[in-house]
Amino acid sequence: MNLTMLMYLIPSLIMFACGVYGFITRKNLIAILISLELMLNSVDLNFVIFNRFLFPGQLEGMFFTLFAIGIAAAETALAIAIVINIYRSIKKIDVSEITKMKF
């Protein structure tokens, strides 16, 4: 493995590990959503890195990353709408206090 490639993969690994840690340990829905976005951004960075080093003349990894960013933006908007709806219903956004979802 190329040393330059490794220099890009290590920060991506650290970002992913921080996202997993935040996703597992947080009780707040907003913090969990931020951790999930951190993991998705780390994966997008890996797409770009592997595309750059394995297929330097092609842009498939770049286009896939742009598509993944668009999907992540839609997912974030939907998740924030759900969090706002939960807050309006029970006035709390802690995961441990949400016992059931109802209309």
N, C-alpha and C. Protein backbone atom coordinates (compact mmCIF):
# COMPACT_ATOMS: atom_id res chain seq x y z
N MET A 1 0.85 -1.18 0.00
CA MET A 1 0.00 0.00 0.00
C MET A 1 0.89 1.24 0.00
N ASN A 2 0.49 2.19 -0.74
CA ASN A 2 1.24 3.42 -0.89
C ASN A 2 1.18 4.24 0.41
N LEU A 3 2.29 4.88 0.77
CA LEU A 3 2.34 5.68 1.99
C LEU A 3 1.40 6.88 1.90
N THR A 4 1.29 7.48 0.71
CA THR A 4 0.38 8.61 0.53
C THR A 4 -1.07 8.18 0.73
N MET A 5 -1.40 7.01 0.22
CA MET A 5 -2.76 6.50 0.41
C MET A 5 -3.04 6.23 1.88
N LEU A 6 -2.05 5.72 2.59
CA LEU A 6 -2.21 5.45 4.01
C LEU A 6 -2.40 6.75 4.80
N MET A 7 -1.73 7.81 4.36
CA MET A 7 -1.89 9.10 5.04
C MET A 7 -3.31 9.64 4.90
N TYR A 8 -4.02 9.26 3.85
CA TYR A 8 -5.42 9.66 3.69
C TYR A 8 -6.37 8.70 4.40
N LEU A 9 -6.02 7.44 4.46
CA LEU A 9 -6.92 6.46 5.06
C LEU A 9 -6.96 6.53 6.59
N ILE A 10 -5.85 6.92 7.21
CA ILE A 10 -5.82 6.99 8.68
C ILE A 10 -6.79 8.04 9.22
N PRO A 11 -6.83 9.28 8.69
CA PRO A 11 -7.86 10.21 9.19
C PRO A 11 -9.29 9.73 8.93
N SER A 12 -9.49 9.03 7.81
CA SER A 12 -10.80 8.49 7.53
C SER A 12 -11.18 7.41 8.56
N LEU A 13 -10.22 6.60 8.93
CA LEU A 13 -10.46 5.58 9.96
C LEU A 13 -10.76 6.23 11.30
N ILE A 14 -10.04 7.28 11.64
CA ILE A 14 -10.28 7.99 12.90
C ILE A 14 -11.68 8.61 12.90
N MET A 15 -12.07 9.21 11.77
CA MET A 15 -13.42 9.78 11.66
C MET A 15 -14.50 8.72 11.84
N PHE A 16 -14.29 7.56 11.21
CA PHE A 16 -15.27 6.49 11.33
C PHE A 16 -15.35 5.97 12.76
N ALA A 17 -14.20 5.81 13.40
CA ALA A 17 -14.18 5.32 14.79
C ALA A 17 -14.86 6.31 15.73
N CYS A 18 -14.63 7.61 15.53
CA CYS A 18 -15.31 8.62 16.35
C CYS A 18 -16.82 8.58 16.13
N GLY A 19 -17.24 8.35 14.89
CA GLY A 19 -18.66 8.25 14.60
C GLY A 19 -19.30 7.04 15.26
N VAL A 20 -18.62 5.91 15.22
CA VAL A 20 -19.15 4.70 15.86
C VAL A 20 -19.23 4.90 17.37
N TYR A 21 -18.19 5.48 17.94
CA TYR A 21 -18.20 5.73 19.39
C TYR A 21 -19.34 6.67 19.78
N GLY A 22 -19.52 7.73 19.02
CA GLY A 22 -20.60 8.66 19.31
C GLY A 22 -21.97 8.04 19.12
N PHE A 23 -22.11 7.19 18.11
CA PHE A 23 -23.39 6.53 17.86
C PHE A 23 -23.76 5.58 18.99
N ILE A 24 -22.76 4.89 19.53
CA ILE A 24 -23.03 3.91 20.58
C ILE A 24 -23.25 4.57 21.94
N THR A 25 -22.51 5.62 22.24
CA THR A 25 -22.52 6.16 23.60
C THR A 25 -23.51 7.29 23.83
N ARG A 26 -23.99 7.95 22.82
CA ARG A 26 -24.86 9.12 23.01
C ARG A 26 -26.30 8.70 23.26
N LYS A 27 -27.01 9.52 24.03
CA LYS A 27 -28.43 9.31 24.30
C LYS A 27 -29.30 10.31 23.55
N ASN A 28 -28.72 11.41 23.11
CA ASN A 28 -29.45 12.46 22.42
C ASN A 28 -29.59 12.09 20.94
N LEU A 29 -30.78 12.24 20.38
CA LEU A 29 -31.01 11.86 18.99
C LEU A 29 -30.22 12.73 18.02
N ILE A 30 -30.04 14.00 18.33
CA ILE A 30 -29.27 14.89 17.46
C ILE A 30 -27.80 14.47 17.44
N ALA A 31 -27.24 14.13 18.58
CA ALA A 31 -25.84 13.68 18.64
C ALA A 31 -25.67 12.35 17.90
N ILE A 32 -26.65 11.49 17.98
CA ILE A 32 -26.60 10.22 17.24
C ILE A 32 -26.63 10.49 15.74
N LEU A 33 -27.45 11.45 15.31
CA LEU A 33 -27.53 11.80 13.90
C LEU A 33 -26.21 12.40 13.41
N ILE A 34 -25.58 13.24 14.22
CA ILE A 34 -24.28 13.81 13.85
C ILE A 34 -23.22 12.72 13.74
N SER A 35 -23.25 11.75 14.64
CA SER A 35 -22.29 10.65 14.57
C SER A 35 -22.51 9.80 13.33
N LEU A 36 -23.75 9.59 12.97
CA LEU A 36 -24.05 8.84 11.75
C LEU A 36 -23.55 9.58 10.51
N GLU A 37 -23.72 10.88 10.49
CA GLU A 37 -23.21 11.68 9.37
C GLU A 37 -21.69 11.65 9.31
N LEU A 38 -21.04 11.61 10.45
CA LEU A 38 -19.58 11.51 10.48
C LEU A 38 -19.11 10.20 9.87
N MET A 39 -19.82 9.12 10.17
CA MET A 39 -19.48 7.83 9.57
C MET A 39 -19.71 7.84 8.06
N LEU A 40 -20.81 8.43 7.61
CA LEU A 40 -21.09 8.49 6.18
C LEU A 40 -20.05 9.33 5.44
N ASN A 41 -19.61 10.43 6.05
CA ASN A 41 -18.57 11.25 5.43
C ASN A 41 -17.24 10.51 5.35
N SER A 42 -16.95 9.69 6.33
CA SER A 42 -15.74 8.89 6.30
C SER A 42 -15.78 7.88 5.16
N VAL A 43 -16.92 7.28 4.95
CA VAL A 43 -17.08 6.32 3.85
C VAL A 43 -16.95 7.04 2.50
N ASP A 44 -17.54 8.23 2.39
CA ASP A 44 -17.40 9.00 1.15
C ASP A 44 -15.94 9.36 0.88
N LEU A 45 -15.21 9.70 1.92
CA LEU A 45 -13.79 9.99 1.77
C LEU A 45 -13.04 8.76 1.28
N ASN A 46 -13.40 7.59 1.77
CA ASN A 46 -12.77 6.35 1.30
C ASN A 46 -13.06 6.09 -0.17
N PHE A 47 -14.29 6.38 -0.63
CA PHE A 47 -14.61 6.22 -2.04
C PHE A 47 -13.68 7.07 -2.90
N VAL A 48 -13.48 8.31 -2.50
CA VAL A 48 -12.64 9.22 -3.27
C VAL A 48 -11.18 8.77 -3.24
N ILE A 49 -10.70 8.34 -2.07
CA ILE A 49 -9.30 7.90 -1.94
C ILE A 49 -9.03 6.69 -2.82
N PHE A 50 -9.88 5.67 -2.74
CA PHE A 50 -9.64 4.47 -3.53
C PHE A 50 -9.80 4.74 -5.02
N ASN A 51 -10.72 5.61 -5.39
CA ASN A 51 -10.85 5.96 -6.80
C ASN A 51 -9.59 6.68 -7.29
N ARG A 52 -9.07 7.57 -6.50
CA ARG A 52 -7.90 8.35 -6.89
C ARG A 52 -6.66 7.48 -7.07
N PHE A 53 -6.47 6.51 -6.19
CA PHE A 53 -5.26 5.70 -6.24
C PHE A 53 -5.38 4.44 -7.09
N LEU A 54 -6.56 3.87 -7.21
CA LEU A 54 -6.71 2.65 -8.00
C LEU A 54 -7.05 2.93 -9.46
N PHE A 55 -7.87 3.96 -9.70
CA PHE A 55 -8.28 4.31 -11.06
C PHE A 55 -8.10 5.81 -11.26
N PRO A 56 -6.86 6.28 -11.45
CA PRO A 56 -6.61 7.73 -11.46
C PRO A 56 -7.31 8.51 -12.57
N GLY A 57 -7.57 7.91 -13.70
CA GLY A 57 -8.16 8.65 -14.80
C GLY A 57 -9.67 8.63 -14.84
N GLN A 58 -10.30 7.88 -13.96
CA GLN A 58 -11.75 7.71 -14.00
C GLN A 58 -12.40 8.44 -12.84
N LEU A 59 -13.70 8.71 -12.96
CA LEU A 59 -14.40 9.49 -11.95
C LEU A 59 -15.57 8.75 -11.31
N GLU A 60 -15.59 7.43 -11.38
CA GLU A 60 -16.72 6.69 -10.82
C GLU A 60 -16.85 6.89 -9.32
N GLY A 61 -15.74 6.87 -8.62
CA GLY A 61 -15.76 7.07 -7.16
C GLY A 61 -16.25 8.45 -6.79
N MET A 62 -15.87 9.44 -7.59
CA MET A 62 -16.31 10.81 -7.33
C MET A 62 -17.82 10.95 -7.52
N PHE A 63 -18.34 10.37 -8.61
CA PHE A 63 -19.77 10.46 -8.87
C PHE A 63 -20.57 9.67 -7.83
N PHE A 64 -20.05 8.52 -7.43
CA PHE A 64 -20.73 7.75 -6.39
C PHE A 64 -20.75 8.51 -5.08
N THR A 65 -19.67 9.22 -4.78
CA THR A 65 -19.61 10.03 -3.57
C THR A 65 -20.62 11.17 -3.62
N LEU A 66 -20.74 11.84 -4.76
CA LEU A 66 -21.74 12.91 -4.89
C LEU A 66 -23.15 12.36 -4.71
N PHE A 67 -23.41 11.18 -5.27
CA PHE A 67 -24.71 10.54 -5.09
C PHE A 67 -24.95 10.20 -3.61
N ALA A 68 -23.93 9.68 -2.95
CA ALA A 68 -24.06 9.33 -1.53
C ALA A 68 -24.27 10.57 -0.66
N ILE A 69 -23.64 11.69 -1.01
CA ILE A 69 -23.85 12.93 -0.27
C ILE A 69 -25.29 13.41 -0.43
N GLY A 70 -25.83 13.29 -1.63
CA GLY A 70 -27.23 13.67 -1.85
C GLY A 70 -28.19 12.80 -1.06
N ILE A 71 -27.94 11.50 -1.03
CA ILE A 71 -28.78 10.59 -0.24
C ILE A 71 -28.65 10.91 1.25
N ALA A 72 -27.44 11.20 1.72
CA ALA A 72 -27.23 11.53 3.13
C ALA A 72 -27.95 12.82 3.51
N ALA A 73 -27.98 13.79 2.60
CA ALA A 73 -28.70 15.04 2.87
C ALA A 73 -30.20 14.79 3.00
N ALA A 74 -30.75 13.96 2.14
CA ALA A 74 -32.17 13.63 2.23
C ALA A 74 -32.46 12.85 3.51
N GLU A 75 -31.57 11.93 3.86
CA GLU A 75 -31.73 11.16 5.09
C GLU A 75 -31.67 12.05 6.31
N THR A 76 -30.80 13.04 6.30
CA THR A 76 -30.68 13.96 7.43
C THR A 76 -31.93 14.81 7.57
N ALA A 77 -32.46 15.29 6.46
CA ALA A 77 -33.68 16.09 6.52
C ALA A 77 -34.84 15.27 7.08
N LEU A 78 -34.96 14.04 6.66
CA LEU A 78 -36.02 13.17 7.17
C LEU A 78 -35.82 12.87 8.66
N ALA A 79 -34.59 12.61 9.07
CA ALA A 79 -34.31 12.32 10.47
C ALA A 79 -34.59 13.53 11.36
N ILE A 80 -34.24 14.72 10.91
CA ILE A 80 -34.51 15.91 11.71
C ILE A 80 -36.02 16.15 11.81
N ALA A 81 -36.75 15.87 10.75
CA ALA A 81 -38.21 15.99 10.81
C ALA A 81 -38.79 15.01 11.84
N ILE A 82 -38.26 13.81 11.89
CA ILE A 82 -38.72 12.83 12.88
C ILE A 82 -38.38 13.28 14.29
N VAL A 83 -37.17 13.80 14.49
CA VAL A 83 -36.76 14.28 15.82
C VAL A 83 -37.64 15.44 16.27
N ILE A 84 -37.97 16.36 15.37
CA ILE A 84 -38.85 17.49 15.72
C ILE A 84 -40.23 16.98 16.08
N ASN A 85 -40.73 16.00 15.34
CA ASN A 85 -42.04 15.43 15.65
C ASN A 85 -42.03 14.73 17.01
N ILE A 86 -40.97 14.02 17.32
CA ILE A 86 -40.86 13.36 18.63
C ILE A 86 -40.80 14.41 19.74
N TYR A 87 -40.04 15.48 19.52
CA TYR A 87 -39.94 16.53 20.54
C TYR A 87 -41.28 17.21 20.77
N ARG A 88 -42.04 17.42 19.71
CA ARG A 88 -43.37 18.03 19.87
C ARG A 88 -44.31 17.12 20.64
N SER A 89 -44.13 15.81 20.50
CA SER A 89 -45.03 14.87 21.16
C SER A 89 -44.72 14.69 22.63
N ILE A 90 -43.44 14.45 22.96
CA ILE A 90 -43.12 14.10 24.35
C ILE A 90 -42.16 15.06 25.03
N LYS A 91 -41.74 16.13 24.32
CA LYS A 91 -40.88 17.19 24.88
C LYS A 91 -39.50 16.70 25.32
N LYS A 92 -39.05 15.57 24.81
CA LYS A 92 -37.72 15.05 25.12
C LYS A 92 -37.16 14.38 23.85
N ILE A 93 -35.83 14.41 23.72
CA ILE A 93 -35.23 13.72 22.59
C ILE A 93 -34.17 12.71 23.04
N ASP A 94 -34.26 12.29 24.28
CA ASP A 94 -33.37 11.24 24.77
C ASP A 94 -33.88 9.88 24.29
N VAL A 95 -32.96 9.05 23.83
CA VAL A 95 -33.33 7.75 23.28
C VAL A 95 -33.90 6.84 24.37
N SER A 96 -33.40 6.94 25.58
CA SER A 96 -33.84 6.05 26.65
C SER A 96 -35.26 6.35 27.11
N GLU A 97 -35.77 7.55 26.84
CA GLU A 97 -37.11 7.91 27.30
C GLU A 97 -38.18 7.74 26.23
N ILE A 98 -37.78 7.41 25.03
CA ILE A 98 -38.75 7.19 23.96
C ILE A 98 -39.08 5.70 23.97
N THR A 99 -40.29 5.37 24.38
CA THR A 99 -40.65 3.97 24.51
C THR A 99 -41.46 3.44 23.34
N LYS A 100 -42.26 4.30 22.73
CA LYS A 100 -43.04 3.81 21.59
C LYS A 100 -43.33 4.96 20.64
N MET A 101 -43.50 4.58 19.39
CA MET A 101 -43.84 5.55 18.35
C MET A 101 -45.31 5.37 18.03
N LYS A 102 -46.04 6.46 18.00
CA LYS A 102 -47.44 6.39 17.60
C LYS A 102 -47.79 7.65 16.80
N PHE A 103 -48.89 7.60 16.12
CA PHE A 103 -49.29 8.68 15.23
C PHE A 103 -49.66 9.92 15.99
